[in-house]
Amino acid sequence: MPHQTAFDHENSSNFSINNPLVLVEQIVFSQDSLKIFSKSQADTMSGYDFNDPKFLFLDILSLVERLHRRLLDVLKNHMEHIGCNDLNPVQALLLHNIGENEMTAGELKTRGYYQGSNVSYNLKKLVEMGYLRHERSDYDRRAVRISLTDKGYEIRNLIDDLYKQHLDELLQDDLINHDELKNLRKNLRNLERYWSDKLHFGL
C-alpha cells in the first residue's frame, strides 16, 4: 500500500491549502468528513494565489526553512528509535555530512556541512563521546583536522540507510521522480548562487 502523506490529499476537496506562513492547524469535525483548516483559513482562501510568482517565491523560502526543521525532527525520532540517546539531531547530521572526509572546523562551514553557530561545542562533544577524532595538521600545526571514528561511521551509515529508505519510498509512491530531483537541485543551486553573489560582490 502506498505511503500516505499530506501530498496525497493536496488536490482533494477535503484538504484546504494551508497558509505557508502560518502552520497552526485546527481540526474541525463535520457530519460528512474530517477536514483540516489552517488558523487563517479565510485569509488563505482569499489572499494567496499559487499563480503569483511572489507568493510561490515566499512559499518556497518558507518550505526550505521548515524542511530543515522537519529533517532534524525525523533524525531525532530515528535516533531515539534505535536507542541512540547521547546524540542530538544536529550532531548526527554533522557526522553524516562529514562522512569519509577529513577537514578542519573552518572547512565544515565553507563546504556547507554545518550551518549552526556553535560548531566548536558540537565538535568537542563528538570527540569526547568517541564519534570524532582530531589531530594536528602535518602542514599547519595550528589547524586541527577532524574525521570520523568507527563509532562515528556507524551513525553515518545508519543515517545513510534512512535516507535511502526515504528516497526509495518517495520514488515508489510517485511523490517525486529522477528528473524532478535534478530540476529541484538545479533550481536550489541557482538560488544559492544568486544570494552568494549578492553577498560576495554586493550586486
N, C-alpha and C. Protein backbone atom coordinates (compact mmCIF):
# COMPACT_ATOMS: atom_id res chain seq x y z
N MET A 1 0.86 -1.19 0.00
CA MET A 1 0.00 0.00 0.00
C MET A 1 0.89 1.24 0.00
N PRO A 2 0.61 2.24 -0.88
CA PRO A 2 1.43 3.45 -0.92
C PRO A 2 1.42 4.17 0.42
N HIS A 3 2.50 4.84 0.71
CA HIS A 3 2.62 5.58 1.97
C HIS A 3 1.81 6.84 1.87
N GLN A 4 0.93 7.08 2.81
CA GLN A 4 0.04 8.22 2.79
C GLN A 4 0.73 9.44 3.36
N THR A 5 0.67 10.52 2.66
CA THR A 5 1.22 11.78 3.14
C THR A 5 0.22 12.89 2.87
N ALA A 6 0.56 14.08 3.40
CA ALA A 6 -0.32 15.23 3.16
C ALA A 6 -0.41 15.54 1.67
N PHE A 7 0.65 15.19 0.90
CA PHE A 7 0.64 15.49 -0.52
C PHE A 7 -0.43 14.69 -1.26
N ASP A 8 -0.79 13.51 -0.71
CA ASP A 8 -1.78 12.68 -1.36
C ASP A 8 -3.13 13.37 -1.41
N HIS A 9 -3.35 14.33 -0.50
CA HIS A 9 -4.66 14.96 -0.39
C HIS A 9 -4.67 16.41 -0.83
N GLU A 10 -3.54 16.86 -1.40
CA GLU A 10 -3.39 18.29 -1.64
C GLU A 10 -4.44 18.82 -2.59
N ASN A 11 -4.87 17.99 -3.56
CA ASN A 11 -5.81 18.48 -4.55
C ASN A 11 -7.23 17.98 -4.32
N SER A 12 -7.46 17.29 -3.21
CA SER A 12 -8.79 16.77 -2.97
C SER A 12 -9.68 17.84 -2.36
N SER A 13 -10.98 17.63 -2.41
CA SER A 13 -11.92 18.60 -1.86
C SER A 13 -11.91 18.62 -0.36
N ASN A 14 -11.30 17.62 0.26
CA ASN A 14 -11.28 17.54 1.72
C ASN A 14 -10.01 18.12 2.31
N PHE A 15 -9.22 18.79 1.49
CA PHE A 15 -7.97 19.36 2.00
C PHE A 15 -7.86 20.77 1.50
N SER A 16 -7.70 21.71 2.44
CA SER A 16 -7.60 23.11 2.06
C SER A 16 -6.15 23.54 2.05
N ILE A 17 -5.83 24.52 1.20
CA ILE A 17 -4.46 25.00 1.09
C ILE A 17 -4.07 25.72 2.37
N ASN A 18 -2.97 25.31 2.98
CA ASN A 18 -2.51 25.95 4.21
C ASN A 18 -1.78 27.24 3.90
N ASN A 19 -1.97 28.20 4.76
CA ASN A 19 -1.16 29.41 4.71
C ASN A 19 0.30 29.01 4.95
N PRO A 20 1.21 29.25 4.00
CA PRO A 20 2.59 28.79 4.18
C PRO A 20 3.31 29.48 5.32
N LEU A 21 2.79 30.63 5.77
CA LEU A 21 3.45 31.35 6.85
C LEU A 21 2.82 31.07 8.20
N VAL A 22 1.71 30.36 8.23
CA VAL A 22 1.04 30.03 9.48
C VAL A 22 0.77 28.54 9.48
N LEU A 23 1.45 27.81 10.38
CA LEU A 23 1.37 26.35 10.33
C LEU A 23 0.50 25.77 11.43
N VAL A 24 -0.17 26.64 12.19
CA VAL A 24 -1.03 26.16 13.25
C VAL A 24 -2.32 25.66 12.63
N GLU A 25 -2.63 24.40 12.86
CA GLU A 25 -3.81 23.82 12.26
C GLU A 25 -4.86 23.52 13.31
N GLN A 26 -6.12 23.66 12.92
CA GLN A 26 -7.23 23.32 13.78
C GLN A 26 -8.00 22.18 13.15
N ILE A 27 -8.41 21.22 13.95
CA ILE A 27 -9.20 20.10 13.46
C ILE A 27 -10.68 20.42 13.63
N VAL A 28 -11.41 20.35 12.53
CA VAL A 28 -12.83 20.68 12.53
C VAL A 28 -13.60 19.44 12.11
N PHE A 29 -14.50 19.00 12.97
CA PHE A 29 -15.31 17.83 12.67
C PHE A 29 -16.64 18.26 12.06
N SER A 30 -17.04 17.60 11.00
CA SER A 30 -18.34 17.83 10.39
C SER A 30 -19.04 16.50 10.24
N GLN A 31 -20.29 16.54 9.87
CA GLN A 31 -21.04 15.31 9.72
C GLN A 31 -20.55 14.51 8.53
N ASP A 32 -20.07 15.18 7.53
CA ASP A 32 -19.69 14.49 6.31
C ASP A 32 -18.26 13.95 6.34
N SER A 33 -17.33 14.75 6.87
CA SER A 33 -15.93 14.33 6.80
C SER A 33 -15.10 15.10 7.81
N LEU A 34 -13.85 14.66 7.96
CA LEU A 34 -12.89 15.35 8.81
C LEU A 34 -12.05 16.23 7.91
N LYS A 35 -12.14 17.53 8.15
CA LYS A 35 -11.41 18.47 7.31
C LYS A 35 -10.37 19.20 8.15
N ILE A 36 -9.26 19.53 7.51
CA ILE A 36 -8.18 20.25 8.18
C ILE A 36 -8.14 21.67 7.66
N PHE A 37 -8.28 22.60 8.58
CA PHE A 37 -8.27 24.00 8.22
C PHE A 37 -7.11 24.70 8.94
N SER A 38 -6.45 25.61 8.28
CA SER A 38 -5.43 26.40 8.94
C SER A 38 -6.11 27.44 9.81
N LYS A 39 -5.34 28.01 10.71
CA LYS A 39 -5.88 29.00 11.63
C LYS A 39 -6.38 30.22 10.87
N SER A 40 -5.72 30.53 9.76
CA SER A 40 -6.13 31.69 8.96
C SER A 40 -6.80 31.22 7.69
N GLN A 41 -7.80 30.36 7.82
CA GLN A 41 -8.44 29.76 6.66
C GLN A 41 -9.03 30.79 5.71
N ALA A 42 -9.74 31.78 6.25
CA ALA A 42 -10.39 32.76 5.38
C ALA A 42 -9.36 33.55 4.59
N ASP A 43 -8.27 33.96 5.28
CA ASP A 43 -7.23 34.71 4.59
C ASP A 43 -6.54 33.86 3.55
N THR A 44 -6.35 32.57 3.87
CA THR A 44 -5.66 31.67 2.95
C THR A 44 -6.43 31.51 1.66
N MET A 45 -7.73 31.33 1.76
CA MET A 45 -8.54 31.08 0.59
C MET A 45 -8.66 32.31 -0.30
N SER A 46 -8.59 33.52 0.31
CA SER A 46 -8.84 34.72 -0.48
C SER A 46 -7.59 35.53 -0.77
N GLY A 47 -6.50 35.33 0.02
CA GLY A 47 -5.36 36.22 -0.10
C GLY A 47 -4.15 35.66 -0.79
N TYR A 48 -4.16 34.39 -1.22
CA TYR A 48 -2.98 33.80 -1.81
C TYR A 48 -3.31 33.14 -3.13
N ASP A 49 -2.39 33.28 -4.07
CA ASP A 49 -2.61 32.79 -5.42
C ASP A 49 -1.36 32.02 -5.85
N PHE A 50 -1.51 30.72 -6.10
CA PHE A 50 -0.36 29.90 -6.50
C PHE A 50 0.14 30.25 -7.89
N ASN A 51 -0.57 31.11 -8.62
CA ASN A 51 -0.10 31.59 -9.90
C ASN A 51 0.73 32.87 -9.76
N ASP A 52 0.79 33.40 -8.55
CA ASP A 52 1.53 34.63 -8.28
C ASP A 52 2.98 34.28 -7.99
N PRO A 53 3.95 34.73 -8.81
CA PRO A 53 5.36 34.39 -8.59
C PRO A 53 5.87 34.79 -7.20
N LYS A 54 5.42 35.95 -6.71
CA LYS A 54 5.88 36.38 -5.38
C LYS A 54 5.42 35.41 -4.31
N PHE A 55 4.15 34.98 -4.38
CA PHE A 55 3.66 34.02 -3.40
C PHE A 55 4.44 32.72 -3.48
N LEU A 56 4.70 32.23 -4.69
CA LEU A 56 5.45 31.00 -4.86
C LEU A 56 6.86 31.13 -4.28
N PHE A 57 7.50 32.28 -4.52
CA PHE A 57 8.85 32.51 -4.01
C PHE A 57 8.87 32.50 -2.49
N LEU A 58 7.94 33.21 -1.86
CA LEU A 58 7.88 33.24 -0.40
C LEU A 58 7.53 31.87 0.17
N ASP A 59 6.66 31.15 -0.52
CA ASP A 59 6.29 29.82 -0.07
C ASP A 59 7.48 28.88 -0.13
N ILE A 60 8.29 28.98 -1.18
CA ILE A 60 9.48 28.15 -1.31
C ILE A 60 10.47 28.45 -0.19
N LEU A 61 10.68 29.73 0.11
CA LEU A 61 11.59 30.10 1.19
C LEU A 61 11.11 29.53 2.53
N SER A 62 9.83 29.61 2.76
CA SER A 62 9.26 29.06 3.99
C SER A 62 9.41 27.55 4.03
N LEU A 63 9.22 26.90 2.89
CA LEU A 63 9.36 25.45 2.82
C LEU A 63 10.78 25.00 3.11
N VAL A 64 11.77 25.73 2.59
CA VAL A 64 13.17 25.37 2.82
C VAL A 64 13.48 25.39 4.31
N GLU A 65 13.02 26.45 4.97
CA GLU A 65 13.25 26.57 6.42
C GLU A 65 12.54 25.46 7.18
N ARG A 66 11.29 25.18 6.81
CA ARG A 66 10.53 24.15 7.51
C ARG A 66 11.10 22.76 7.25
N LEU A 67 11.59 22.52 6.04
CA LEU A 67 12.14 21.21 5.71
C LEU A 67 13.36 20.90 6.57
N HIS A 68 14.19 21.91 6.81
CA HIS A 68 15.36 21.67 7.65
C HIS A 68 14.94 21.30 9.07
N ARG A 69 13.96 22.04 9.61
CA ARG A 69 13.48 21.72 10.96
C ARG A 69 12.84 20.34 10.99
N ARG A 70 12.09 20.00 9.94
CA ARG A 70 11.43 18.69 9.90
C ARG A 70 12.46 17.57 9.78
N LEU A 71 13.53 17.81 9.02
CA LEU A 71 14.60 16.82 8.92
C LEU A 71 15.22 16.54 10.28
N LEU A 72 15.45 17.59 11.07
CA LEU A 72 16.01 17.39 12.41
C LEU A 72 15.04 16.60 13.28
N ASP A 73 13.73 16.85 13.13
CA ASP A 73 12.74 16.08 13.88
C ASP A 73 12.77 14.61 13.48
N VAL A 74 12.90 14.34 12.18
CA VAL A 74 12.97 12.96 11.69
C VAL A 74 14.20 12.26 12.25
N LEU A 75 15.33 12.96 12.22
CA LEU A 75 16.57 12.36 12.75
C LEU A 75 16.46 12.11 14.25
N LYS A 76 15.88 13.05 14.97
CA LYS A 76 15.71 12.87 16.42
C LYS A 76 14.85 11.64 16.70
N ASN A 77 13.76 11.50 15.97
CA ASN A 77 12.88 10.36 16.15
C ASN A 77 13.60 9.04 15.82
N HIS A 78 14.38 9.06 14.77
CA HIS A 78 15.10 7.85 14.36
C HIS A 78 16.16 7.47 15.39
N MET A 79 16.89 8.47 15.88
CA MET A 79 17.94 8.18 16.87
C MET A 79 17.34 7.61 18.15
N GLU A 80 16.20 8.15 18.56
CA GLU A 80 15.53 7.61 19.75
C GLU A 80 15.02 6.19 19.50
N HIS A 81 14.55 5.95 18.27
CA HIS A 81 14.01 4.63 17.92
C HIS A 81 15.08 3.55 17.99
N ILE A 82 16.31 3.88 17.60
CA ILE A 82 17.39 2.89 17.61
C ILE A 82 18.15 2.90 18.93
N GLY A 83 17.69 3.71 19.88
CA GLY A 83 18.29 3.73 21.21
C GLY A 83 19.57 4.53 21.33
N CYS A 84 19.81 5.43 20.39
CA CYS A 84 21.00 6.28 20.44
C CYS A 84 20.59 7.63 21.02
N ASN A 85 20.65 7.72 22.34
CA ASN A 85 20.14 8.90 23.03
C ASN A 85 21.20 9.92 23.42
N ASP A 86 22.47 9.61 23.13
CA ASP A 86 23.53 10.54 23.52
C ASP A 86 23.80 11.59 22.46
N LEU A 87 23.23 11.42 21.27
CA LEU A 87 23.42 12.38 20.19
C LEU A 87 22.16 13.19 19.97
N ASN A 88 22.32 14.49 19.73
CA ASN A 88 21.17 15.27 19.28
C ASN A 88 21.15 15.25 17.75
N PRO A 89 20.04 15.63 17.11
CA PRO A 89 19.94 15.52 15.65
C PRO A 89 20.95 16.37 14.90
N VAL A 90 21.33 17.51 15.44
CA VAL A 90 22.33 18.35 14.78
C VAL A 90 23.67 17.62 14.73
N GLN A 91 24.05 16.97 15.83
CA GLN A 91 25.30 16.23 15.87
C GLN A 91 25.28 15.03 14.94
N ALA A 92 24.13 14.34 14.88
CA ALA A 92 24.01 13.20 13.98
C ALA A 92 24.13 13.64 12.53
N LEU A 93 23.49 14.75 12.18
CA LEU A 93 23.56 15.27 10.83
C LEU A 93 24.99 15.70 10.49
N LEU A 94 25.68 16.26 11.46
CA LEU A 94 27.06 16.67 11.26
C LEU A 94 27.95 15.46 10.95
N LEU A 95 27.75 14.36 11.67
CA LEU A 95 28.53 13.14 11.42
C LEU A 95 28.27 12.62 10.00
N HIS A 96 27.01 12.64 9.60
CA HIS A 96 26.70 12.16 8.25
C HIS A 96 27.33 13.05 7.19
N ASN A 97 27.30 14.36 7.39
CA ASN A 97 27.84 15.28 6.40
C ASN A 97 29.36 15.20 6.29
N ILE A 98 30.03 14.93 7.40
CA ILE A 98 31.48 14.77 7.35
C ILE A 98 31.84 13.52 6.56
N GLY A 99 31.13 12.43 6.83
CA GLY A 99 31.33 11.20 6.07
C GLY A 99 32.77 10.73 6.07
N GLU A 100 33.30 10.48 4.88
CA GLU A 100 34.66 9.96 4.75
C GLU A 100 35.69 11.08 4.64
N ASN A 101 35.25 12.32 4.78
CA ASN A 101 36.16 13.45 4.62
C ASN A 101 36.97 13.70 5.89
N GLU A 102 38.09 14.36 5.69
CA GLU A 102 38.90 14.85 6.80
C GLU A 102 39.10 16.34 6.58
N MET A 103 38.77 17.14 7.59
CA MET A 103 38.79 18.59 7.38
C MET A 103 38.97 19.33 8.70
N THR A 104 39.14 20.63 8.60
CA THR A 104 39.21 21.48 9.79
C THR A 104 37.81 21.96 10.14
N ALA A 105 37.70 22.54 11.32
CA ALA A 105 36.41 23.06 11.75
C ALA A 105 35.93 24.17 10.82
N GLY A 106 36.86 24.99 10.36
CA GLY A 106 36.50 26.07 9.45
C GLY A 106 35.97 25.56 8.13
N GLU A 107 36.51 24.45 7.64
CA GLU A 107 36.07 23.88 6.37
C GLU A 107 34.66 23.31 6.46
N LEU A 108 34.23 22.95 7.67
CA LEU A 108 32.87 22.45 7.84
C LEU A 108 31.85 23.47 7.34
N LYS A 109 32.11 24.72 7.64
CA LYS A 109 31.18 25.77 7.23
C LYS A 109 31.38 26.17 5.77
N THR A 110 32.63 26.31 5.35
CA THR A 110 32.86 26.74 3.98
C THR A 110 32.36 25.72 2.98
N ARG A 111 32.37 24.45 3.35
CA ARG A 111 31.86 23.40 2.46
C ARG A 111 30.36 23.18 2.62
N GLY A 112 29.76 23.88 3.58
CA GLY A 112 28.32 23.77 3.77
C GLY A 112 27.89 22.57 4.58
N TYR A 113 28.82 21.95 5.32
CA TYR A 113 28.49 20.76 6.10
C TYR A 113 27.84 21.11 7.44
N TYR A 114 28.00 22.35 7.87
CA TYR A 114 27.43 22.77 9.15
C TYR A 114 27.02 24.21 9.05
N GLN A 115 25.76 24.50 9.42
CA GLN A 115 25.23 25.85 9.26
C GLN A 115 24.99 26.56 10.60
N GLY A 116 25.25 25.86 11.71
CA GLY A 116 24.97 26.45 13.01
C GLY A 116 26.06 27.40 13.47
N SER A 117 25.86 27.95 14.66
CA SER A 117 26.82 28.92 15.20
C SER A 117 27.69 28.35 16.31
N ASN A 118 27.38 27.14 16.79
CA ASN A 118 28.12 26.56 17.91
C ASN A 118 28.87 25.31 17.48
N VAL A 119 29.59 25.41 16.36
CA VAL A 119 30.29 24.26 15.81
C VAL A 119 31.36 23.74 16.77
N SER A 120 32.06 24.64 17.46
CA SER A 120 33.13 24.21 18.36
C SER A 120 32.59 23.34 19.48
N TYR A 121 31.44 23.73 20.04
CA TYR A 121 30.83 22.95 21.12
C TYR A 121 30.47 21.55 20.63
N ASN A 122 29.81 21.46 19.48
CA ASN A 122 29.38 20.16 18.98
C ASN A 122 30.57 19.28 18.61
N LEU A 123 31.61 19.86 18.05
CA LEU A 123 32.79 19.07 17.73
C LEU A 123 33.45 18.55 18.99
N LYS A 124 33.54 19.38 20.02
CA LYS A 124 34.14 18.96 21.28
C LYS A 124 33.36 17.81 21.89
N LYS A 125 32.02 17.91 21.88
CA LYS A 125 31.19 16.84 22.44
C LYS A 125 31.34 15.55 21.65
N LEU A 126 31.41 15.65 20.34
CA LEU A 126 31.54 14.46 19.50
C LEU A 126 32.89 13.78 19.69
N VAL A 127 33.92 14.58 19.93
CA VAL A 127 35.23 13.99 20.24
C VAL A 127 35.19 13.31 21.59
N GLU A 128 34.59 13.96 22.60
CA GLU A 128 34.51 13.38 23.94
C GLU A 128 33.71 12.08 23.95
N MET A 129 32.68 11.99 23.11
CA MET A 129 31.84 10.80 23.08
C MET A 129 32.40 9.70 22.17
N GLY A 130 33.51 10.00 21.50
CA GLY A 130 34.17 8.99 20.69
C GLY A 130 33.67 8.86 19.27
N TYR A 131 32.92 9.85 18.78
CA TYR A 131 32.42 9.79 17.41
C TYR A 131 33.38 10.45 16.42
N LEU A 132 34.22 11.35 16.91
CA LEU A 132 35.18 12.05 16.07
C LEU A 132 36.59 11.91 16.65
N ARG A 133 37.57 11.91 15.77
CA ARG A 133 38.96 12.03 16.19
C ARG A 133 39.50 13.36 15.67
N HIS A 134 40.42 13.93 16.41
CA HIS A 134 41.02 15.19 15.95
C HIS A 134 42.53 15.12 16.15
N GLU A 135 43.26 15.65 15.21
CA GLU A 135 44.72 15.64 15.28
C GLU A 135 45.27 16.84 14.54
N ARG A 136 46.44 17.28 14.95
CA ARG A 136 47.07 18.45 14.35
C ARG A 136 47.46 18.16 12.90
N SER A 137 47.28 19.17 12.07
CA SER A 137 47.66 19.03 10.66
C SER A 137 49.17 18.94 10.53
N ASP A 138 49.63 18.11 9.59
CA ASP A 138 51.07 17.98 9.35
C ASP A 138 51.64 19.24 8.71
N TYR A 139 50.78 20.01 8.05
CA TYR A 139 51.25 21.18 7.32
C TYR A 139 51.09 22.47 8.11
N ASP A 140 50.12 22.50 9.01
CA ASP A 140 49.88 23.69 9.82
C ASP A 140 49.52 23.22 11.23
N ARG A 141 50.47 23.33 12.15
CA ARG A 141 50.27 22.80 13.49
C ARG A 141 49.18 23.56 14.25
N ARG A 142 48.79 24.73 13.74
CA ARG A 142 47.72 25.47 14.39
C ARG A 142 46.35 24.91 14.03
N ALA A 143 46.28 24.19 12.94
CA ALA A 143 45.00 23.67 12.46
C ALA A 143 44.77 22.25 12.98
N VAL A 144 43.54 21.99 13.41
CA VAL A 144 43.16 20.66 13.90
C VAL A 144 42.22 20.04 12.87
N ARG A 145 42.58 18.86 12.38
CA ARG A 145 41.77 18.17 11.40
C ARG A 145 40.92 17.11 12.10
N ILE A 146 39.68 16.97 11.64
CA ILE A 146 38.75 16.05 12.27
C ILE A 146 38.30 15.00 11.25
N SER A 147 37.97 13.82 11.75
CA SER A 147 37.45 12.74 10.92
C SER A 147 36.66 11.79 11.80
N LEU A 148 35.86 10.95 11.18
CA LEU A 148 35.02 10.02 11.93
C LEU A 148 35.82 8.86 12.49
N THR A 149 35.46 8.43 13.68
CA THR A 149 35.95 7.16 14.22
C THR A 149 35.03 6.04 13.73
N ASP A 150 35.36 4.80 14.09
CA ASP A 150 34.48 3.69 13.72
C ASP A 150 33.08 3.89 14.29
N LYS A 151 33.02 4.43 15.51
CA LYS A 151 31.73 4.71 16.14
C LYS A 151 30.97 5.77 15.35
N GLY A 152 31.69 6.76 14.85
CA GLY A 152 31.07 7.80 14.04
C GLY A 152 30.56 7.26 12.72
N TYR A 153 31.31 6.32 12.13
CA TYR A 153 30.88 5.71 10.87
C TYR A 153 29.59 4.92 11.05
N GLU A 154 29.40 4.32 12.21
CA GLU A 154 28.17 3.57 12.47
C GLU A 154 26.96 4.48 12.37
N ILE A 155 27.07 5.68 12.97
CA ILE A 155 25.97 6.64 12.90
C ILE A 155 25.79 7.14 11.48
N ARG A 156 26.89 7.41 10.83
CA ARG A 156 26.83 7.89 9.45
C ARG A 156 26.11 6.88 8.56
N ASN A 157 26.41 5.61 8.72
CA ASN A 157 25.79 4.58 7.90
C ASN A 157 24.31 4.39 8.23
N LEU A 158 23.97 4.53 9.51
CA LEU A 158 22.56 4.40 9.91
C LEU A 158 21.72 5.51 9.27
N ILE A 159 22.24 6.72 9.27
CA ILE A 159 21.51 7.83 8.67
C ILE A 159 21.46 7.68 7.16
N ASP A 160 22.55 7.20 6.57
CA ASP A 160 22.58 6.99 5.14
C ASP A 160 21.53 5.96 4.71
N ASP A 161 21.38 4.91 5.50
CA ASP A 161 20.35 3.91 5.22
C ASP A 161 18.96 4.51 5.33
N LEU A 162 18.77 5.39 6.31
CA LEU A 162 17.47 6.06 6.48
C LEU A 162 17.16 6.91 5.26
N TYR A 163 18.13 7.67 4.78
CA TYR A 163 17.93 8.50 3.58
C TYR A 163 17.57 7.64 2.37
N LYS A 164 18.26 6.51 2.21
CA LYS A 164 17.98 5.63 1.08
C LYS A 164 16.56 5.08 1.17
N GLN A 165 16.14 4.73 2.37
CA GLN A 165 14.78 4.22 2.56
C GLN A 165 13.76 5.27 2.17
N HIS A 166 13.96 6.49 2.62
CA HIS A 166 13.02 7.56 2.32
C HIS A 166 12.99 7.88 0.83
N LEU A 167 14.16 7.88 0.19
CA LEU A 167 14.21 8.14 -1.24
C LEU A 167 13.48 7.05 -2.02
N ASP A 168 13.70 5.80 -1.65
CA ASP A 168 13.01 4.69 -2.32
C ASP A 168 11.50 4.82 -2.19
N GLU A 169 11.02 5.22 -1.01
CA GLU A 169 9.59 5.36 -0.80
C GLU A 169 9.02 6.52 -1.60
N LEU A 170 9.75 7.62 -1.66
CA LEU A 170 9.30 8.78 -2.44
C LEU A 170 9.18 8.42 -3.92
N LEU A 171 10.17 7.70 -4.44
CA LEU A 171 10.13 7.30 -5.84
C LEU A 171 9.06 6.25 -6.09
N GLN A 172 8.94 5.30 -5.18
CA GLN A 172 7.95 4.24 -5.33
C GLN A 172 6.53 4.79 -5.33
N ASP A 173 6.29 5.78 -4.49
CA ASP A 173 4.94 6.34 -4.36
C ASP A 173 4.68 7.48 -5.34
N ASP A 174 5.62 7.69 -6.27
CA ASP A 174 5.47 8.73 -7.30
C ASP A 174 5.30 10.12 -6.71
N LEU A 175 5.91 10.37 -5.55
CA LEU A 175 5.89 11.72 -4.98
C LEU A 175 6.94 12.61 -5.64
N ILE A 176 7.93 11.97 -6.24
CA ILE A 176 8.96 12.70 -6.99
C ILE A 176 9.65 11.69 -7.90
N ASN A 177 10.20 12.18 -9.02
CA ASN A 177 10.95 11.29 -9.90
C ASN A 177 12.36 11.84 -10.11
N HIS A 178 13.17 11.08 -10.86
CA HIS A 178 14.58 11.44 -11.00
C HIS A 178 14.76 12.80 -11.68
N ASP A 179 14.00 13.04 -12.73
CA ASP A 179 14.12 14.33 -13.42
C ASP A 179 13.71 15.49 -12.52
N GLU A 180 12.68 15.29 -11.72
CA GLU A 180 12.24 16.35 -10.80
C GLU A 180 13.29 16.61 -9.73
N LEU A 181 13.96 15.56 -9.29
CA LEU A 181 15.05 15.74 -8.32
C LEU A 181 16.18 16.57 -8.93
N LYS A 182 16.53 16.29 -10.18
CA LYS A 182 17.59 17.05 -10.83
C LYS A 182 17.19 18.51 -11.01
N ASN A 183 15.94 18.75 -11.39
CA ASN A 183 15.47 20.13 -11.57
C ASN A 183 15.41 20.87 -10.24
N LEU A 184 14.97 20.16 -9.19
CA LEU A 184 14.91 20.77 -7.87
C LEU A 184 16.30 21.18 -7.40
N ARG A 185 17.27 20.29 -7.57
CA ARG A 185 18.64 20.60 -7.17
C ARG A 185 19.17 21.78 -7.97
N LYS A 186 18.92 21.79 -9.28
CA LYS A 186 19.38 22.88 -10.13
C LYS A 186 18.81 24.22 -9.67
N ASN A 187 17.51 24.24 -9.39
CA ASN A 187 16.87 25.49 -9.01
C ASN A 187 17.34 25.98 -7.65
N LEU A 188 17.51 25.07 -6.69
CA LEU A 188 18.01 25.48 -5.38
C LEU A 188 19.46 25.95 -5.46
N ARG A 189 20.26 25.30 -6.30
CA ARG A 189 21.64 25.73 -6.51
C ARG A 189 21.67 27.14 -7.12
N ASN A 190 20.78 27.39 -8.07
CA ASN A 190 20.73 28.73 -8.69
C ASN A 190 20.39 29.79 -7.65
N LEU A 191 19.45 29.47 -6.76
CA LEU A 191 19.08 30.42 -5.72
C LEU A 191 20.23 30.64 -4.76
N GLU A 192 20.93 29.57 -4.39
CA GLU A 192 22.09 29.69 -3.51
C GLU A 192 23.17 30.54 -4.17
N ARG A 193 23.43 30.28 -5.45
CA ARG A 193 24.46 31.03 -6.17
C ARG A 193 24.09 32.51 -6.28
N TYR A 194 22.81 32.78 -6.51
CA TYR A 194 22.35 34.17 -6.62
C TYR A 194 22.61 34.93 -5.33
N TRP A 195 22.23 34.32 -4.19
CA TRP A 195 22.43 35.00 -2.91
C TRP A 195 23.91 35.08 -2.54
N SER A 196 24.69 34.07 -2.90
CA SER A 196 26.13 34.12 -2.64
C SER A 196 26.78 35.27 -3.39
N ASP A 197 26.37 35.47 -4.65
CA ASP A 197 26.89 36.59 -5.43
C ASP A 197 26.49 37.92 -4.82
N LYS A 198 25.28 37.99 -4.29
CA LYS A 198 24.83 39.21 -3.62
C LYS A 198 25.73 39.55 -2.44
N LEU A 199 26.10 38.52 -1.68
CA LEU A 199 26.95 38.72 -0.50
C LEU A 199 28.39 39.05 -0.88
N HIS A 200 28.93 38.32 -1.85
CA HIS A 200 30.35 38.43 -2.15
C HIS A 200 30.67 39.66 -3.01
N PHE A 201 29.75 40.01 -3.92
CA PHE A 201 30.04 41.08 -4.86
C PHE A 201 29.17 42.31 -4.66
N GLY A 202 28.21 42.23 -3.74
CA GLY A 202 27.35 43.38 -3.49
C GLY A 202 26.52 43.77 -4.68
N LEU A 203 26.09 42.80 -5.45
CA LEU A 203 25.31 43.07 -6.66
C LEU A 203 23.91 43.52 -6.33
